[in-house]
Amino acid sequence: MAINLTPKELERELRERSPDAERMIRSLQNCDRRHFLKVTARFAAMVAAAGVIQPQSFQLVNVANAAPAPGENPEVLFRFAYISDSHLFARGMTHRFAKGLIKAVDDVNAIDPQPDFILYGGDLAQLGRADELMLGQQILSGLKAPVKMMVGEHDWFLDMGAKWREMFGPDVYSFDHKGVHFVVLNSVQEEDFWTAKGYTPEQRMNIVAGLDDARQSRFEVGEEQRDWLAKDLAKVDKKTPVIVFSHSPLYKYYEPWNFWTKDAEQVQALLFPFETVTVIHGHTHQLLTNRIKNISFHGMLSTAWPWPYAPQGLPEYTVQMFRSDPFNQFDGLGDGTVDVLEGGAANKHYALWNRNPRTVSYADLAKNTLVGPRGHAGPSY
């Protein structure tokens, strides 16, 4: 029978049972994502052979089954939908990434009643080219509900956002909707690594698109934008619910892959005084949940491809996807909705394509009741 262990106990158990474990564990530290996919497949087989944990729920982090608490059904004030991370190439409507975005538009248009608005979570383009952005704009124009746009690093670093802003407007802004204050940030700023080395805009874009390219810096909101945020929030009552849209997670998840915001703590400090804060982010292409004091963080699914989970640093509240099927182009992808509840808290819904949907309930998250059996990923979905 499989044994459920903590991550440290699992490592110790594997080291005792397998001579290859020490090397495999070291190999998972600070590796790039392509290598991680190869290593974890072999690691999963090792774990299964050792009889430590079931291979279909292989993981080295605490996870939780975040279904809504029984009997709790707070009133939904309004709903918004989200689509994110389409990474379009200008290869027409038949390219698989374009097909993914088209599918998401169809999904959201089928919601009845329609959401109040739709968040596009960034990385509409892959290389920030005008023709890529124009293809994305053309597809998104088919949405029925109004769209709020957020910029991602793939949209930005070819021309530092010039074309994106021309097409979609400001990259940093706020708005109020039904008693909730919304903030849209550009969290993919970087220190200038390109001027001194004479990189062309195309070279700069390719470096940033690589994410784990050591030549680039980590993402940040930046001092100028933090000053803007402080002034914006100064006008908001501390009891007003705040929802922040940020492309990168506003915490430090995994630095080697740039799943990281360098000044996250400084941004969090501006949000801590408010009673209820929710951050919805893209970039990681994962079901991802975190909780820091009064702030709930939720990742968005991608319509292009799912990233693997990092080998370390994954927040314990996360409900992990099982590995995607490489022979199914839409597996592990999707879109979703957010229900804003009475009082301003939010339930996050993941509409996974070809799988059962998942919900992360604020009621469970706020009560700190999400922690389930260690090493157990919940039912298949």
Protein backbone atom coordinates (compact mmCIF):
# COMPACT_ATOMS: atom_id res chain seq x y z
CA MET A 1 0.00 0.00 0.00
CA ALA A 2 1.22 3.49 -0.83
CA ILE A 3 2.39 5.68 2.03
CA ASN A 4 1.54 9.39 2.17
CA LEU A 5 4.50 11.46 3.37
CA THR A 6 5.52 15.07 3.73
CA PRO A 7 7.93 16.36 1.07
CA LYS A 8 10.94 16.09 3.40
CA GLU A 9 9.90 12.60 4.54
CA LEU A 10 9.45 11.59 0.90
CA GLU A 11 12.94 12.75 -0.02
CA ARG A 12 14.42 10.90 2.97
CA GLU A 13 12.47 7.74 2.12
CA LEU A 14 13.60 7.81 -1.49
CA ARG A 15 17.23 8.38 -0.54
CA GLU A 16 17.08 5.28 1.66
CA ARG A 17 15.34 3.12 -0.92
CA SER A 18 17.03 4.17 -4.16
CA PRO A 19 20.70 4.87 -4.94
CA ASP A 20 19.60 7.23 -7.75
CA ALA A 21 17.39 9.41 -5.56
CA GLU A 22 20.08 11.84 -4.37
CA ARG A 23 21.15 12.63 -7.91
CA MET A 24 17.54 12.94 -9.09
CA ILE A 25 16.61 15.31 -6.25
CA ARG A 26 19.62 17.51 -6.99
CA SER A 27 18.68 17.46 -10.66
CA LEU A 28 15.28 18.97 -9.85
CA GLN A 29 16.80 22.01 -8.15
CA ASN A 30 16.99 25.07 -10.40
CA CYS A 31 16.56 23.11 -13.62
CA ASP A 32 14.91 24.56 -16.69
CA ARG A 33 11.39 23.45 -17.57
CA ARG A 34 12.25 21.15 -20.45
CA HIS A 35 14.66 19.22 -18.27
CA PHE A 36 12.13 19.22 -15.43
CA LEU A 37 9.56 17.41 -17.57
CA LYS A 38 12.05 14.64 -18.34
CA VAL A 39 13.33 14.31 -14.78
CA THR A 40 9.94 14.24 -13.09
CA ALA A 41 8.69 11.46 -15.36
CA ARG A 42 11.60 9.30 -14.22
CA PHE A 43 11.19 10.47 -10.62
CA ALA A 44 7.52 9.45 -10.67
CA ALA A 45 8.50 5.96 -11.77
CA MET A 46 11.06 5.79 -8.95
CA VAL A 47 8.46 6.89 -6.42
CA ALA A 48 6.01 4.27 -7.63
CA ALA A 49 8.66 1.54 -7.51
CA ALA A 50 9.50 2.52 -3.95
CA GLY A 51 5.84 2.17 -2.98
CA VAL A 52 5.80 5.59 -1.41
CA ILE A 53 2.92 7.27 -3.25
CA GLN A 54 0.58 6.53 -6.12
CA PRO A 55 2.20 7.51 -9.43
CA GLN A 56 -0.89 9.27 -10.82
CA SER A 57 -0.76 11.78 -7.94
CA PHE A 58 3.02 12.21 -7.89
CA GLN A 59 4.09 15.46 -6.27
CA LEU A 60 6.51 16.85 -3.71
CA VAL A 61 4.22 19.51 -2.22
CA ASN A 62 1.13 19.75 -0.06
CA VAL A 63 -2.09 19.96 -2.06
CA ALA A 64 -5.76 20.36 -1.23
CA ASN A 65 -9.20 19.55 -2.54
CA ALA A 66 -10.78 22.98 -2.75
CA ALA A 67 -14.43 22.11 -3.29
CA PRO A 68 -16.95 24.54 -1.79
CA ALA A 69 -17.80 23.93 1.85
CA PRO A 70 -21.06 21.93 2.24
CA GLY A 71 -24.11 24.06 2.95
CA GLU A 72 -22.38 27.34 2.14
CA ASN A 73 -23.73 29.27 -0.82
CA PRO A 74 -23.08 33.00 -0.37
CA GLU A 75 -24.85 35.33 -2.71
CA VAL A 76 -23.01 36.05 -5.96
CA LEU A 77 -22.99 39.78 -6.66
CA PHE A 78 -21.61 39.43 -10.17
CA ARG A 79 -19.43 37.25 -12.35
CA PHE A 80 -16.59 38.00 -14.71
CA ALA A 81 -14.87 35.59 -17.07
CA TYR A 82 -11.22 35.26 -18.00
CA ILE A 83 -9.13 34.13 -20.95
CA SER A 84 -5.34 34.25 -20.84
CA ASP A 85 -1.96 33.36 -22.32
CA SER A 86 -2.79 32.55 -25.96
CA HIS A 87 0.74 33.19 -27.34
CA LEU A 88 -0.43 33.70 -30.91
CA PHE A 89 1.82 33.44 -33.93
CA ALA A 90 0.63 35.17 -37.11
CA ARG A 91 -0.11 31.88 -38.85
CA GLY A 92 -3.82 32.29 -39.41
CA MET A 93 -6.91 30.84 -37.78
CA THR A 94 -5.90 27.22 -38.38
CA HIS A 95 -2.81 27.34 -36.13
CA ARG A 96 -3.46 25.40 -32.93
CA PHE A 97 -2.86 28.43 -30.67
CA ALA A 98 -5.43 30.42 -32.67
CA LYS A 99 -7.82 27.47 -32.39
CA GLY A 100 -7.35 27.53 -28.62
CA LEU A 101 -8.29 31.20 -28.37
CA ILE A 102 -11.27 30.68 -30.69
CA LYS A 103 -12.44 27.83 -28.45
CA ALA A 104 -12.15 30.08 -25.39
CA VAL A 105 -14.21 32.81 -27.07
CA ASP A 106 -16.89 30.23 -27.89
CA ASP A 107 -16.82 28.96 -24.29
CA VAL A 108 -17.28 32.39 -22.78
CA ASN A 109 -19.96 33.38 -25.26
CA ALA A 110 -21.92 30.28 -24.22
CA ILE A 111 -22.11 31.38 -20.56
CA ASP A 112 -25.72 32.17 -19.64
CA PRO A 113 -26.26 34.71 -18.28
CA GLN A 114 -23.27 36.50 -19.77
CA PRO A 115 -20.52 37.72 -17.39
CA ASP A 116 -20.36 41.42 -16.57
CA PHE A 117 -17.00 41.61 -18.34
CA ILE A 118 -14.08 39.47 -19.48
CA LEU A 119 -10.46 39.81 -18.36
CA TYR A 120 -7.83 39.00 -20.95
CA GLY A 121 -4.86 38.08 -18.78
CA GLY A 122 -1.88 38.89 -21.00
CA ASP A 123 0.45 37.24 -23.54
CA LEU A 124 -1.96 37.59 -26.42
CA ALA A 125 1.04 37.48 -28.78
CA GLN A 126 4.11 35.28 -28.66
CA LEU A 127 6.73 37.70 -29.99
CA GLY A 128 4.90 41.03 -29.63
CA ARG A 129 4.54 41.52 -33.38
CA ALA A 130 1.80 43.74 -34.74
CA ASP A 131 0.36 40.95 -36.89
CA GLU A 132 0.18 38.63 -33.87
CA LEU A 133 -1.61 41.26 -31.78
CA MET A 134 -3.97 42.07 -34.66
CA LEU A 135 -4.87 38.37 -35.02
CA GLY A 136 -5.66 38.26 -31.31
CA GLN A 137 -7.71 41.44 -31.50
CA GLN A 138 -9.68 39.98 -34.40
CA ILE A 139 -10.51 36.80 -32.46
CA LEU A 140 -11.34 38.63 -29.21
CA SER A 141 -13.68 40.95 -31.12
CA GLY A 142 -16.08 38.00 -31.27
CA LEU A 143 -16.73 38.16 -27.52
CA LYS A 144 -20.18 39.34 -26.50
CA ALA A 145 -19.28 40.91 -23.13
CA PRO A 146 -16.92 43.89 -22.65
CA VAL A 147 -13.21 43.01 -22.43
CA LYS A 148 -10.64 44.37 -19.95
CA MET A 149 -7.12 43.92 -21.32
CA MET A 150 -3.92 43.24 -19.38
CA VAL A 151 -0.45 43.13 -20.90
CA GLY A 152 2.04 40.26 -20.65
CA GLU A 153 5.77 40.16 -21.29
CA HIS A 154 5.29 38.53 -24.71
CA ASP A 155 3.16 41.51 -25.73
CA TRP A 156 5.63 44.07 -24.37
CA PHE A 157 9.32 43.62 -25.03
CA LEU A 158 9.53 43.89 -28.80
CA ASP A 159 8.61 47.60 -28.78
CA MET A 160 8.13 48.14 -25.01
CA GLY A 161 4.37 47.97 -25.42
CA ALA A 162 3.96 50.68 -28.05
CA LYS A 163 1.75 48.66 -30.40
CA TRP A 164 -0.19 47.03 -27.55
CA ARG A 165 -1.05 50.44 -26.03
CA GLU A 166 -2.00 51.80 -29.44
CA MET A 167 -4.45 48.95 -29.90
CA PHE A 168 -5.78 48.39 -26.38
CA GLY A 169 -5.11 51.54 -24.34
CA PRO A 170 -3.27 52.03 -21.03
CA ASP A 171 -1.37 49.10 -19.55
CA VAL A 172 -2.01 50.36 -15.99
CA TYR A 173 -5.44 51.52 -14.87
CA SER A 174 -8.21 51.05 -12.31
CA PHE A 175 -11.99 51.00 -12.35
CA ASP A 176 -14.92 50.43 -9.99
CA HIS A 177 -17.68 47.92 -10.58
CA LYS A 178 -20.65 47.20 -8.29
CA GLY A 179 -18.83 48.25 -5.14
CA VAL A 180 -15.51 46.55 -5.94
CA HIS A 181 -12.32 48.44 -6.82
CA PHE A 182 -10.33 46.80 -9.63
CA VAL A 183 -6.67 47.49 -10.40
CA VAL A 184 -4.87 46.35 -13.56
CA LEU A 185 -1.06 46.31 -13.24
CA ASN A 186 1.86 45.84 -15.60
CA SER A 187 3.94 43.47 -13.49
CA VAL A 188 6.39 42.43 -16.22
CA GLN A 189 8.79 45.37 -16.01
CA GLU A 190 12.48 44.45 -16.08
CA GLU A 191 15.78 46.19 -15.45
CA ASP A 192 17.46 47.26 -18.68
CA PHE A 193 19.65 44.30 -19.65
CA TRP A 194 19.67 45.11 -23.38
CA THR A 195 21.05 48.62 -23.99
CA ALA A 196 24.60 48.11 -22.72
CA LYS A 197 24.91 44.86 -24.70
CA GLY A 198 23.45 46.34 -27.85
CA TYR A 199 20.62 43.83 -28.22
CA THR A 200 18.13 44.54 -30.99
CA PRO A 201 14.41 44.67 -30.12
CA GLU A 202 14.04 41.18 -31.62
CA GLN A 203 16.90 39.83 -29.51
CA ARG A 204 15.45 41.44 -26.39
CA MET A 205 12.05 39.91 -27.12
CA ASN A 206 13.49 36.44 -27.70
CA ILE A 207 15.45 36.58 -24.45
CA VAL A 208 12.38 37.56 -22.43
CA ALA A 209 10.21 35.00 -24.22
CA GLY A 210 12.60 32.33 -22.98
CA LEU A 211 11.66 33.15 -19.36
CA ASP A 212 14.53 31.18 -17.82
CA ASP A 213 17.21 32.90 -19.92
CA ALA A 214 19.83 34.04 -17.40
CA ARG A 215 20.52 37.25 -19.33
CA GLN A 216 17.25 38.84 -18.26
CA SER A 217 16.24 40.22 -14.85
CA ARG A 218 13.23 39.20 -12.76
CA PHE A 219 9.83 40.79 -13.35
CA GLU A 220 8.71 43.69 -11.17
CA VAL A 221 5.96 46.27 -10.86
CA GLY A 222 8.53 49.02 -10.39
CA GLU A 223 8.76 52.12 -8.22
CA GLU A 224 6.82 54.42 -10.56
CA GLN A 225 3.89 52.04 -10.74
CA ARG A 226 3.95 51.33 -7.00
CA ASP A 227 3.70 55.10 -6.41
CA TRP A 228 0.72 55.20 -8.77
CA LEU A 229 -0.88 52.26 -6.94
CA ALA A 230 -0.41 53.92 -3.55
CA LYS A 231 -2.12 57.09 -4.80
CA ASP A 232 -4.91 55.10 -6.43
CA LEU A 233 -5.60 53.06 -3.28
CA ALA A 234 -5.45 56.14 -1.04
CA LYS A 235 -8.81 57.16 -2.50
CA VAL A 236 -10.42 53.80 -1.63
CA ASP A 237 -12.08 52.98 1.70
CA LYS A 238 -10.30 50.14 3.49
CA LYS A 239 -13.55 48.16 3.70
CA THR A 240 -13.98 48.27 -0.09
CA PRO A 241 -13.10 44.92 -1.70
CA VAL A 242 -10.06 45.16 -4.01
CA ILE A 243 -9.36 42.84 -6.94
CA VAL A 244 -5.99 43.15 -8.68
CA PHE A 245 -5.18 41.81 -12.15
CA SER A 246 -1.47 41.09 -12.57
CA HIS A 247 0.19 39.04 -15.29
CA SER A 248 2.97 37.62 -13.12
CA PRO A 249 2.03 36.30 -9.65
CA LEU A 250 2.40 39.05 -7.02
CA TYR A 251 4.42 36.72 -4.82
CA LYS A 252 7.65 34.77 -5.27
CA TYR A 253 6.76 31.36 -6.62
CA TYR A 254 9.80 29.99 -8.51
CA GLU A 255 12.67 32.27 -9.52
CA PRO A 256 14.55 30.06 -12.04
CA TRP A 257 11.52 30.11 -14.37
CA ASN A 258 10.72 33.79 -13.66
CA PHE A 259 7.45 32.78 -11.95
CA TRP A 260 8.44 35.67 -9.74
CA THR A 261 7.78 39.35 -9.02
CA LYS A 262 10.84 40.96 -7.46
CA ASP A 263 9.01 43.70 -5.57
CA ALA A 264 6.05 41.51 -4.60
CA GLU A 265 6.37 42.24 -0.87
CA GLN A 266 6.24 45.99 -1.50
CA VAL A 267 3.08 45.61 -3.56
CA GLN A 268 1.54 43.32 -0.95
CA ALA A 269 2.24 45.94 1.74
CA LEU A 270 0.04 48.39 -0.16
CA LEU A 271 -2.79 45.81 -0.21
CA PHE A 272 -2.60 44.53 3.38
CA PRO A 273 -4.64 47.42 4.89
CA PHE A 274 -7.76 46.38 2.95
CA GLU A 275 -10.19 43.86 4.41
CA THR A 276 -10.60 41.70 1.30
CA VAL A 277 -8.11 41.47 -1.57
CA THR A 278 -8.00 39.04 -4.49
CA VAL A 279 -5.22 38.85 -7.08
CA ILE A 280 -5.91 37.12 -10.40
CA HIS A 281 -2.75 36.43 -12.41
CA GLY A 282 -1.68 34.73 -15.62
CA HIS A 283 1.81 33.70 -16.78
CA THR A 284 2.10 30.34 -15.00
CA HIS A 285 -0.49 28.47 -17.14
CA GLN A 286 -1.62 26.50 -14.07
CA LEU A 287 -4.31 25.92 -11.49
CA LEU A 288 -2.55 27.81 -8.73
CA THR A 289 -3.77 29.17 -5.38
CA ASN A 290 -1.94 31.06 -2.65
CA ARG A 291 -2.97 32.95 0.48
CA ILE A 292 -0.86 35.61 2.23
CA LYS A 293 -2.62 37.35 5.13
CA ASN A 294 -5.73 38.99 3.64
CA ILE A 295 -4.75 38.40 -0.01
CA SER A 296 -6.00 35.43 -2.04
CA PHE A 297 -4.02 34.68 -5.23
CA HIS A 298 -5.35 32.62 -8.15
CA GLY A 299 -3.64 31.69 -11.40
CA MET A 300 -5.33 31.53 -14.80
CA LEU A 301 -5.29 28.71 -17.29
CA SER A 302 -3.66 29.15 -20.69
CA THR A 303 -5.28 28.57 -24.07
CA ALA A 304 -1.90 27.63 -25.62
CA TRP A 305 -0.11 25.06 -23.42
CA PRO A 306 0.10 24.07 -19.72
CA TRP A 307 3.37 24.55 -17.85
CA PRO A 308 4.49 21.85 -15.41
CA TYR A 309 4.53 22.65 -11.72
CA ALA A 310 7.82 23.89 -10.34
CA PRO A 311 9.97 21.40 -8.40
CA GLN A 312 9.85 23.60 -5.30
CA GLY A 313 8.01 26.59 -3.90
CA LEU A 314 4.46 25.59 -4.89
CA PRO A 315 1.88 27.12 -2.50
CA GLU A 316 0.26 24.49 -0.31
CA TYR A 317 -3.30 25.54 -1.25
CA THR A 318 -2.80 24.63 -4.88
CA VAL A 319 -5.00 21.93 -6.40
CA GLN A 320 -2.67 20.40 -8.97
CA MET A 321 -3.60 19.25 -12.43
CA PHE A 322 -2.43 15.78 -13.30
CA ARG A 323 0.00 15.81 -16.18
CA SER A 324 -1.44 16.89 -19.50
CA ASP A 325 -1.90 14.40 -22.33
CA PRO A 326 0.67 15.28 -25.04
CA PHE A 327 -1.55 13.69 -27.68
CA ASN A 328 -4.50 15.96 -26.85
CA GLN A 329 -3.76 19.54 -27.90
CA PHE A 330 -6.35 21.04 -25.52
CA ASP A 331 -5.62 18.96 -22.42
CA GLY A 332 -4.64 21.01 -19.38
CA LEU A 333 -5.87 24.19 -21.07
CA GLY A 334 -8.98 26.26 -20.54
CA ASP A 335 -10.59 29.47 -19.41
CA GLY A 336 -12.94 30.21 -16.52
CA THR A 337 -14.93 32.60 -14.39
CA VAL A 338 -14.73 34.39 -11.06
CA ASP A 339 -17.80 34.83 -8.86
CA VAL A 340 -17.52 37.97 -6.74
CA LEU A 341 -19.49 37.27 -3.57
CA GLU A 342 -21.36 39.42 -1.12
CA GLY A 343 -18.66 41.24 0.82
CA GLY A 344 -16.24 41.19 -2.12
CA ALA A 345 -14.57 37.81 -1.72
CA ALA A 346 -14.25 35.61 -4.80
CA ASN A 347 -14.71 31.99 -5.83
CA LYS A 348 -12.39 31.00 -8.68
CA HIS A 349 -13.70 28.58 -11.32
CA TYR A 350 -11.42 26.73 -13.74
CA ALA A 351 -13.15 25.52 -16.92
CA LEU A 352 -10.65 22.87 -17.93
CA TRP A 353 -11.14 21.61 -21.45
CA ASN A 354 -11.74 17.85 -21.67
CA ARG A 355 -11.71 17.54 -17.87
CA ASN A 356 -14.10 18.20 -15.02
CA PRO A 357 -14.20 21.85 -13.90
CA ARG A 358 -12.57 22.87 -10.62
CA THR A 359 -13.55 25.53 -8.07
CA VAL A 360 -11.45 27.13 -5.35
CA SER A 361 -13.88 28.34 -2.71
CA TYR A 362 -13.10 31.47 -0.70
CA ALA A 363 -15.02 30.01 2.24
CA ASP A 364 -12.60 27.11 2.49
CA LEU A 365 -9.55 29.25 1.80
CA ALA A 366 -10.43 31.88 4.43
CA LYS A 367 -11.13 29.26 7.08
CA ASN A 368 -7.80 27.58 6.38
CA THR A 369 -9.63 24.30 5.81
CA LEU A 370 -8.09 23.49 2.45
CA VAL A 371 -5.28 21.33 3.75
CA GLY A 372 -6.04 17.72 2.90
CA PRO A 373 -4.08 14.46 3.28
CA ARG A 374 -0.46 15.05 2.44
CA GLY A 375 0.52 13.79 -0.98
CA HIS A 376 -3.09 13.36 -2.14
CA ALA A 377 -4.28 15.21 -5.21
CA GLY A 378 -7.99 14.59 -4.82
CA PRO A 379 -10.25 12.96 -7.39
CA SER A 380 -9.32 12.71 -11.05
CA TYR A 381 -10.49 15.63 -13.18
